[in-house]
């Protein structure tokens, strides 16, 4: 059984790539499973993946490294209940040090597992860092971003289609200089050909002896604490217009308010279920929005929000309430908060670390 640890910063496109890869593999009669991971408890990604009839389990309230035993429990579950050929385990977008805390402990305790580390990088975000125009002005956040790239078996420059030829050349030159010797893929995760290339690369890559990161956990911990997490489930009764239209306006306004305040968006996700269809809207610092599908029929919908933003939790929470108030008045809709949890991640404390 192969375990693909999918790392990479918030908003790098990991979930989309995993869903597309699973779709291809299922058509080949290859058994798949997915383990999602987050600091919070309500994961839009899990429900999104599950919508495609893909077996999903979660590791919540902390990263894989701090919840190693929970990750292992889910691997055992899938081994017994699904017997997958491949498990994709998507780590928290602010997590790094996967070699020392996951890959090496698994190699020692479970050598029967073949482990690959695929790290996704938003090519546009990387280009902005290379050119010195990145919105991630805090060095500790950039530190995490760079450490993630450092430990990849396969480094995927995702959303490469959004760069022009010159920008792509600048990013590629930087990667070749800084991460020479790594397997590097340019990818558009909505392109089946590119996903197949990634899957072929996973099959063909036999990792050499991995070297644990030389990492400063104080910088790492401070970097994670710069990010605010917000998870909320809200319901809307739209009255005269469709719930989907209300949800779209709410998502757009929350994005605009966050951007206007100058906060850097790791990711801002809205999973909308109107009882007929489910669709996802995603925003990042470099990408305006991606909608997986649309639906217009129902006046009632549930919206799950996952926001990961470089600010304070209470400020992010304030944006949500302001957005709800304005959209309620504008659309004459009744919008109710069912659950809300805003926080900053705690200091990373791995279960195991093999240096």
Protein backbone atom coordinates (compact mmCIF):
# COMPACT_ATOMS: atom_id res chain seq x y z
CA UNK A 1 0.00 0.00 0.00
CA UNK A 2 1.27 3.45 -0.92
CA UNK A 3 0.82 6.52 1.28
CA UNK A 4 1.16 9.86 -0.47
CA UNK A 5 1.76 12.67 2.01
CA UNK A 6 0.50 15.78 0.24
CA UNK A 7 2.05 18.89 1.74
CA UNK A 8 2.17 22.51 0.72
CA UNK A 9 1.01 25.89 1.90
CA UNK A 10 -2.57 27.02 2.33
CA UNK A 11 -4.29 27.61 -0.99
CA UNK A 12 -1.75 25.70 -3.08
CA UNK A 13 -4.44 23.46 -4.61
CA UNK A 14 -3.82 20.19 -2.78
CA UNK A 15 -7.46 19.15 -2.38
CA UNK A 16 -8.37 19.77 -6.03
CA UNK A 17 -5.38 17.71 -7.20
CA UNK A 18 -6.23 14.86 -4.83
CA UNK A 19 -9.86 14.75 -5.98
CA UNK A 20 -8.84 14.74 -9.64
CA UNK A 21 -6.21 12.05 -9.01
CA UNK A 22 -8.74 9.86 -7.20
CA UNK A 23 -11.19 10.25 -10.06
CA UNK A 24 -8.56 9.00 -12.55
CA UNK A 25 -7.50 6.12 -10.30
CA UNK A 26 -11.06 4.99 -9.63
CA UNK A 27 -11.67 4.79 -13.38
CA UNK A 28 -8.67 2.43 -13.51
CA UNK A 29 -10.26 0.28 -10.77
CA UNK A 30 -7.54 1.39 -8.38
CA UNK A 31 -8.79 1.57 -4.79
CA UNK A 32 -8.20 4.93 -3.14
CA UNK A 33 -8.78 6.66 0.18
CA UNK A 34 -8.13 10.14 1.55
CA UNK A 35 -7.14 11.42 4.99
CA UNK A 36 -7.66 15.15 5.50
CA UNK A 37 -6.04 17.17 8.26
CA UNK A 38 -6.64 20.50 9.93
CA UNK A 39 -6.14 22.51 13.10
CA UNK A 40 -9.92 22.96 13.26
CA UNK A 41 -12.80 20.49 13.45
CA UNK A 42 -15.08 21.41 10.53
CA UNK A 43 -13.37 20.67 7.23
CA UNK A 44 -14.86 21.78 3.93
CA UNK A 45 -12.30 19.64 2.12
CA UNK A 46 -13.53 16.41 3.75
CA UNK A 47 -17.13 17.02 2.75
CA UNK A 48 -16.03 18.09 -0.72
CA UNK A 49 -14.00 14.90 -1.30
CA UNK A 50 -16.76 12.73 0.19
CA UNK A 51 -19.22 14.23 -2.30
CA UNK A 52 -17.36 12.32 -5.05
CA UNK A 53 -17.92 8.97 -3.26
CA UNK A 54 -14.28 8.78 -2.17
CA UNK A 55 -13.63 7.21 1.27
CA UNK A 56 -12.49 9.96 3.65
CA UNK A 57 -11.25 10.13 7.23
CA UNK A 58 -10.08 13.17 9.18
CA UNK A 59 -7.33 14.08 11.60
CA UNK A 60 -8.50 17.26 13.34
CA UNK A 61 -7.39 19.62 16.13
CA UNK A 62 -3.78 19.64 15.00
CA UNK A 63 -1.38 18.59 12.29
CA UNK A 64 -0.40 15.01 11.40
CA UNK A 65 2.90 15.35 13.25
CA UNK A 66 1.16 16.24 16.52
CA UNK A 67 -1.51 13.57 15.96
CA UNK A 68 0.63 10.74 14.57
CA UNK A 69 -1.38 8.03 16.34
CA UNK A 70 -4.66 9.37 14.95
CA UNK A 71 -3.18 9.32 11.45
CA UNK A 72 -2.03 5.73 12.00
CA UNK A 73 -5.47 4.75 13.29
CA UNK A 74 -7.05 6.02 10.06
CA UNK A 75 -4.47 4.17 7.95
CA UNK A 76 -5.33 0.97 9.86
CA UNK A 77 -9.05 1.60 9.31
CA UNK A 78 -8.66 1.97 5.57
CA UNK A 79 -6.34 -1.03 5.39
CA UNK A 80 -9.01 -3.22 6.97
CA UNK A 81 -12.19 -1.71 5.53
CA UNK A 82 -11.18 -0.49 2.05
CA UNK A 83 -7.84 -2.17 1.32
CA UNK A 84 -6.75 0.78 -0.84
CA UNK A 85 -3.86 0.68 -3.26
CA UNK A 86 -3.10 4.29 -2.43
CA UNK A 87 -3.98 6.67 0.41
CA UNK A 88 -3.62 10.41 -0.06
CA UNK A 89 -2.97 12.13 3.27
CA UNK A 90 -3.31 15.91 2.95
CA UNK A 91 -1.49 17.76 5.71
CA UNK A 92 -2.43 21.11 7.24
CA UNK A 93 -1.34 23.95 4.98
CA UNK A 94 0.78 25.52 7.72
CA UNK A 95 2.56 22.24 8.53
CA UNK A 96 6.10 21.16 7.71
CA UNK A 97 8.77 18.72 8.99
CA UNK A 98 6.94 15.70 7.54
CA UNK A 99 10.12 13.69 6.98
CA UNK A 100 11.19 13.67 10.63
CA UNK A 101 7.72 13.40 12.19
CA UNK A 102 5.81 11.15 9.77
CA UNK A 103 7.92 9.54 7.03
CA UNK A 104 10.78 8.33 9.25
CA UNK A 105 8.60 7.01 12.10
CA UNK A 106 6.44 5.15 9.54
CA UNK A 107 9.56 3.72 7.87
CA UNK A 108 10.80 2.39 11.22
CA UNK A 109 7.51 1.09 12.59
CA UNK A 110 5.66 0.22 9.37
CA UNK A 111 8.19 -0.58 6.63
CA UNK A 112 5.44 -2.26 4.58
CA UNK A 113 4.11 1.22 3.77
CA UNK A 114 5.62 2.97 0.75
CA UNK A 115 5.66 6.71 1.51
CA UNK A 116 5.88 9.53 -1.01
CA UNK A 117 6.03 13.24 -0.09
CA UNK A 118 4.47 15.47 -2.75
CA UNK A 119 4.60 19.17 -1.92
CA UNK A 120 2.38 21.64 -3.77
CA UNK A 121 3.43 25.23 -4.36
CA UNK A 122 1.22 28.00 -5.71
CA UNK A 123 3.38 29.11 -8.63
CA UNK A 124 1.98 32.66 -8.50
CA UNK A 125 2.73 33.00 -4.81
CA UNK A 126 6.24 31.67 -5.32
CA UNK A 127 6.79 34.14 -8.14
CA UNK A 128 5.71 37.02 -5.91
CA UNK A 129 8.20 35.87 -3.26
CA UNK A 130 10.99 35.57 -5.83
CA UNK A 131 10.25 39.10 -7.11
CA UNK A 132 9.84 40.56 -3.63
CA UNK A 133 6.18 41.49 -4.04
CA UNK A 134 4.69 38.81 -1.78
CA UNK A 135 1.90 39.77 0.59
CA UNK A 136 3.46 37.40 3.12
CA UNK A 137 5.53 40.13 4.70
CA UNK A 138 6.22 38.16 7.88
CA UNK A 139 9.47 36.24 7.70
CA UNK A 140 8.21 33.46 9.98
CA UNK A 141 5.36 32.63 7.59
CA UNK A 142 7.77 32.57 4.65
CA UNK A 143 10.02 30.30 6.69
CA UNK A 144 7.28 27.62 6.81
CA UNK A 145 6.59 28.04 3.10
CA UNK A 146 10.25 27.48 2.20
CA UNK A 147 10.75 24.56 4.60
CA UNK A 148 7.80 22.76 3.00
CA UNK A 149 9.50 22.90 -0.40
CA UNK A 150 12.78 21.73 1.07
CA UNK A 151 11.52 18.29 2.08
CA UNK A 152 9.59 17.31 -1.07
CA UNK A 153 10.22 14.10 -2.99
CA UNK A 154 8.14 15.65 -5.76
CA UNK A 155 7.78 19.43 -5.91
CA UNK A 156 4.68 20.49 -7.82
CA UNK A 157 4.49 24.05 -9.11
CA UNK A 158 0.72 24.17 -9.23
CA UNK A 159 -1.41 26.73 -11.08
CA UNK A 160 1.51 27.10 -13.50
CA UNK A 161 -1.01 27.95 -16.21
CA UNK A 162 -1.66 31.29 -14.47
CA UNK A 163 1.88 32.55 -15.12
CA UNK A 164 3.09 33.99 -18.40
CA UNK A 165 6.17 32.62 -20.12
CA UNK A 166 8.59 35.08 -18.51
CA UNK A 167 7.17 34.57 -15.01
CA UNK A 168 7.33 30.80 -15.43
CA UNK A 169 10.95 31.02 -16.49
CA UNK A 170 11.81 33.15 -13.44
CA UNK A 171 10.13 30.69 -11.07
CA UNK A 172 11.69 27.68 -12.77
CA UNK A 173 15.17 29.24 -12.58
CA UNK A 174 14.71 29.91 -8.87
CA UNK A 175 13.54 26.35 -8.19
CA UNK A 176 16.39 24.82 -10.17
CA UNK A 177 18.92 26.89 -8.22
CA UNK A 178 17.45 26.47 -4.74
CA UNK A 179 16.15 22.91 -4.97
CA UNK A 180 18.45 21.26 -7.48
CA UNK A 181 18.06 17.51 -7.73
CA UNK A 182 14.38 17.43 -6.82
CA UNK A 183 11.75 16.08 -9.17
CA UNK A 184 9.83 19.19 -10.26
CA UNK A 185 6.48 19.24 -12.07
CA UNK A 186 4.68 22.19 -13.63
CA UNK A 187 1.00 21.52 -13.13
CA UNK A 188 -2.53 22.70 -13.73
CA UNK A 189 -4.62 20.47 -11.48
CA UNK A 190 -7.70 20.91 -13.68
CA UNK A 191 -5.78 19.33 -16.55
CA UNK A 192 -6.13 15.52 -16.59
CA UNK A 193 -2.85 15.16 -18.45
CA UNK A 194 -0.98 16.97 -15.68
CA UNK A 195 -2.60 14.88 -12.94
CA UNK A 196 -1.66 11.69 -14.80
CA UNK A 197 1.91 12.98 -14.99
CA UNK A 198 1.89 13.45 -11.19
CA UNK A 199 0.53 9.93 -10.64
CA UNK A 200 3.16 8.45 -12.97
CA UNK A 201 5.84 10.34 -11.09
CA UNK A 202 4.58 8.95 -7.75
CA UNK A 203 4.81 5.43 -9.18
CA UNK A 204 8.30 5.97 -10.54
CA UNK A 205 9.84 7.91 -7.65
CA UNK A 206 11.90 5.85 -5.23
CA UNK A 207 13.00 8.29 -2.51
CA UNK A 208 16.66 8.24 -1.58
CA UNK A 209 17.65 8.32 2.06
CA UNK A 210 15.64 11.25 3.32
CA UNK A 211 17.31 13.90 5.42
CA UNK A 212 15.29 15.47 8.22
CA UNK A 213 14.89 19.22 8.04
CA UNK A 214 17.18 21.48 9.96
CA UNK A 215 14.29 23.44 11.43
CA UNK A 216 13.87 25.98 14.20
CA UNK A 217 10.62 25.12 15.98
CA UNK A 218 10.48 28.52 17.64
CA UNK A 219 10.31 30.25 14.24
CA UNK A 220 7.92 27.55 12.97
CA UNK A 221 5.60 28.00 15.96
CA UNK A 222 5.61 31.80 15.68
CA UNK A 223 4.82 31.52 11.96
CA UNK A 224 1.79 29.32 12.57
CA UNK A 225 0.57 31.69 15.28
CA UNK A 226 0.54 34.56 12.74
CA UNK A 227 -2.39 32.84 11.03
CA UNK A 228 -5.97 33.03 12.23
CA UNK A 229 -8.28 30.04 11.73
CA UNK A 230 -12.04 30.47 11.44
CA UNK A 231 -14.50 27.62 10.95
CA UNK A 232 -18.20 28.40 10.82
CA UNK A 233 -21.42 26.77 9.67
CA UNK A 234 -24.22 29.14 8.76
CA UNK A 235 -27.66 28.62 7.27
CA UNK A 236 -29.56 30.97 5.03
CA UNK A 237 -33.23 31.24 4.16
CA UNK A 238 -33.16 33.38 1.06
CA UNK A 239 -36.84 34.14 0.61
CA UNK A 240 -37.38 35.60 -2.87
CA UNK A 241 -33.99 34.76 -4.44
CA UNK A 242 -32.07 31.52 -4.49
CA UNK A 243 -29.87 30.52 -1.58
CA UNK A 244 -27.00 29.96 -4.01
CA UNK A 245 -27.07 33.60 -5.10
CA UNK A 246 -27.06 34.72 -1.46
CA UNK A 247 -24.14 32.38 -0.73
CA UNK A 248 -22.17 33.71 -3.71
CA UNK A 249 -22.70 37.30 -2.58
CA UNK A 250 -21.71 36.41 0.98
CA UNK A 251 -18.51 34.70 -0.18
CA UNK A 252 -17.55 37.60 -2.44
CA UNK A 253 -18.20 40.22 0.22
CA UNK A 254 -16.23 38.38 2.91
CA UNK A 255 -13.32 38.07 0.48
CA UNK A 256 -13.50 41.77 -0.41
CA UNK A 257 -13.65 42.86 3.23
CA UNK A 258 -10.65 40.68 4.09
CA UNK A 259 -8.68 42.02 1.14
CA UNK A 260 -9.63 45.66 1.88
CA UNK A 261 -8.16 45.35 5.37
CA UNK A 262 -4.88 44.23 3.85
CA UNK A 263 -4.97 40.76 5.40
CA UNK A 264 -3.12 38.04 3.53
CA UNK A 265 -5.41 35.12 2.67
CA UNK A 266 -3.99 31.63 2.97
CA UNK A 267 -7.30 30.24 1.87
CA UNK A 268 -10.93 31.23 2.18
CA UNK A 269 -13.28 28.35 1.37
CA UNK A 270 -17.07 28.16 1.21
CA UNK A 271 -18.77 24.78 0.83
CA UNK A 272 -22.41 25.38 -0.06
CA UNK A 273 -25.15 22.78 0.10
CA UNK A 274 -28.65 23.80 -0.98
CA UNK A 275 -30.19 20.35 -0.53
CA UNK A 276 -29.96 19.67 -4.27
CA UNK A 277 -26.34 20.37 -5.13
CA UNK A 278 -23.09 21.02 -3.33
CA UNK A 279 -20.36 23.31 -4.60
CA UNK A 280 -17.20 24.96 -3.36
CA UNK A 281 -15.87 28.48 -3.75
CA UNK A 282 -12.18 29.10 -2.98
CA UNK A 283 -10.18 32.30 -2.67
CA UNK A 284 -6.47 32.74 -2.05
CA UNK A 285 -4.11 35.71 -2.09
CA UNK A 286 -3.22 35.02 -5.73
CA UNK A 287 -6.46 33.55 -7.07
CA UNK A 288 -9.80 35.35 -7.06
CA UNK A 289 -12.19 32.39 -6.90
CA UNK A 290 -12.80 28.87 -8.12
CA UNK A 291 -16.31 27.44 -8.19
CA UNK A 292 -16.72 23.69 -8.61
CA UNK A 293 -20.34 23.96 -9.81
CA UNK A 294 -23.46 26.09 -9.42
CA UNK A 295 -27.03 25.57 -8.29
CA UNK A 296 -29.98 27.95 -8.25
CA UNK A 297 -33.06 26.00 -7.22
CA UNK A 298 -33.39 26.18 -3.43
CA UNK A 299 -34.15 29.04 -1.06
CA UNK A 300 -32.42 27.32 1.86
CA UNK A 301 -28.74 26.44 2.10
CA UNK A 302 -26.02 25.49 4.56
CA UNK A 303 -22.64 27.16 4.15
CA UNK A 304 -19.47 25.79 5.75
CA UNK A 305 -16.70 28.40 5.92
CA UNK A 306 -13.00 27.63 6.43
CA UNK A 307 -10.87 30.81 6.59
CA UNK A 308 -7.09 30.83 7.11
CA UNK A 309 -5.88 34.42 7.16
CA UNK A 310 -2.83 36.31 8.43
CA UNK A 311 -4.54 38.36 11.15
CA UNK A 312 -6.08 38.00 14.62
CA UNK A 313 -8.99 35.54 15.16
CA UNK A 314 -11.28 38.19 16.63
CA UNK A 315 -10.73 40.44 13.61
CA UNK A 316 -11.58 37.61 11.23
CA UNK A 317 -14.69 36.85 13.27
CA UNK A 318 -15.70 40.52 13.05
CA UNK A 319 -15.46 40.39 9.25
CA UNK A 320 -17.79 37.39 9.17
CA UNK A 321 -20.45 39.09 11.29
CA UNK A 322 -20.22 42.31 9.29
CA UNK A 323 -20.62 40.30 6.09
CA UNK A 324 -23.65 38.42 7.41
CA UNK A 325 -25.34 41.66 8.51
CA UNK A 326 -24.80 43.39 5.17
CA UNK A 327 -25.89 40.43 3.03
CA UNK A 328 -28.96 39.85 5.21
CA UNK A 329 -30.09 43.44 4.63
CA UNK A 330 -29.15 43.52 0.96
CA UNK A 331 -30.94 40.27 0.05
CA UNK A 332 -33.68 40.35 2.68
CA UNK A 333 -32.49 36.91 3.82
CA UNK A 334 -32.40 35.27 7.22
CA UNK A 335 -28.84 34.11 7.94
CA UNK A 336 -28.07 32.27 11.15
CA UNK A 337 -24.73 31.17 12.63
CA UNK A 338 -24.97 27.53 13.69
CA UNK A 339 -21.37 27.20 14.85
CA UNK A 340 -18.30 29.42 14.97
CA UNK A 341 -14.77 28.67 16.10
CA UNK A 342 -11.96 31.21 15.64
CA UNK A 343 -8.46 30.62 17.00
CA UNK A 344 -4.71 30.57 16.38
CA UNK A 345 -2.85 27.24 16.15
CA UNK A 346 -0.95 26.09 19.22
CA UNK A 347 2.78 25.45 19.30
CA UNK A 348 3.69 22.33 17.26
CA UNK A 349 4.62 19.37 19.48
CA UNK A 350 5.27 16.26 17.36
CA UNK A 351 4.43 12.81 18.73
CA UNK A 352 7.71 11.53 17.29
CA UNK A 353 10.65 13.27 15.67
CA UNK A 354 13.56 11.39 14.16
CA UNK A 355 16.31 13.85 13.28
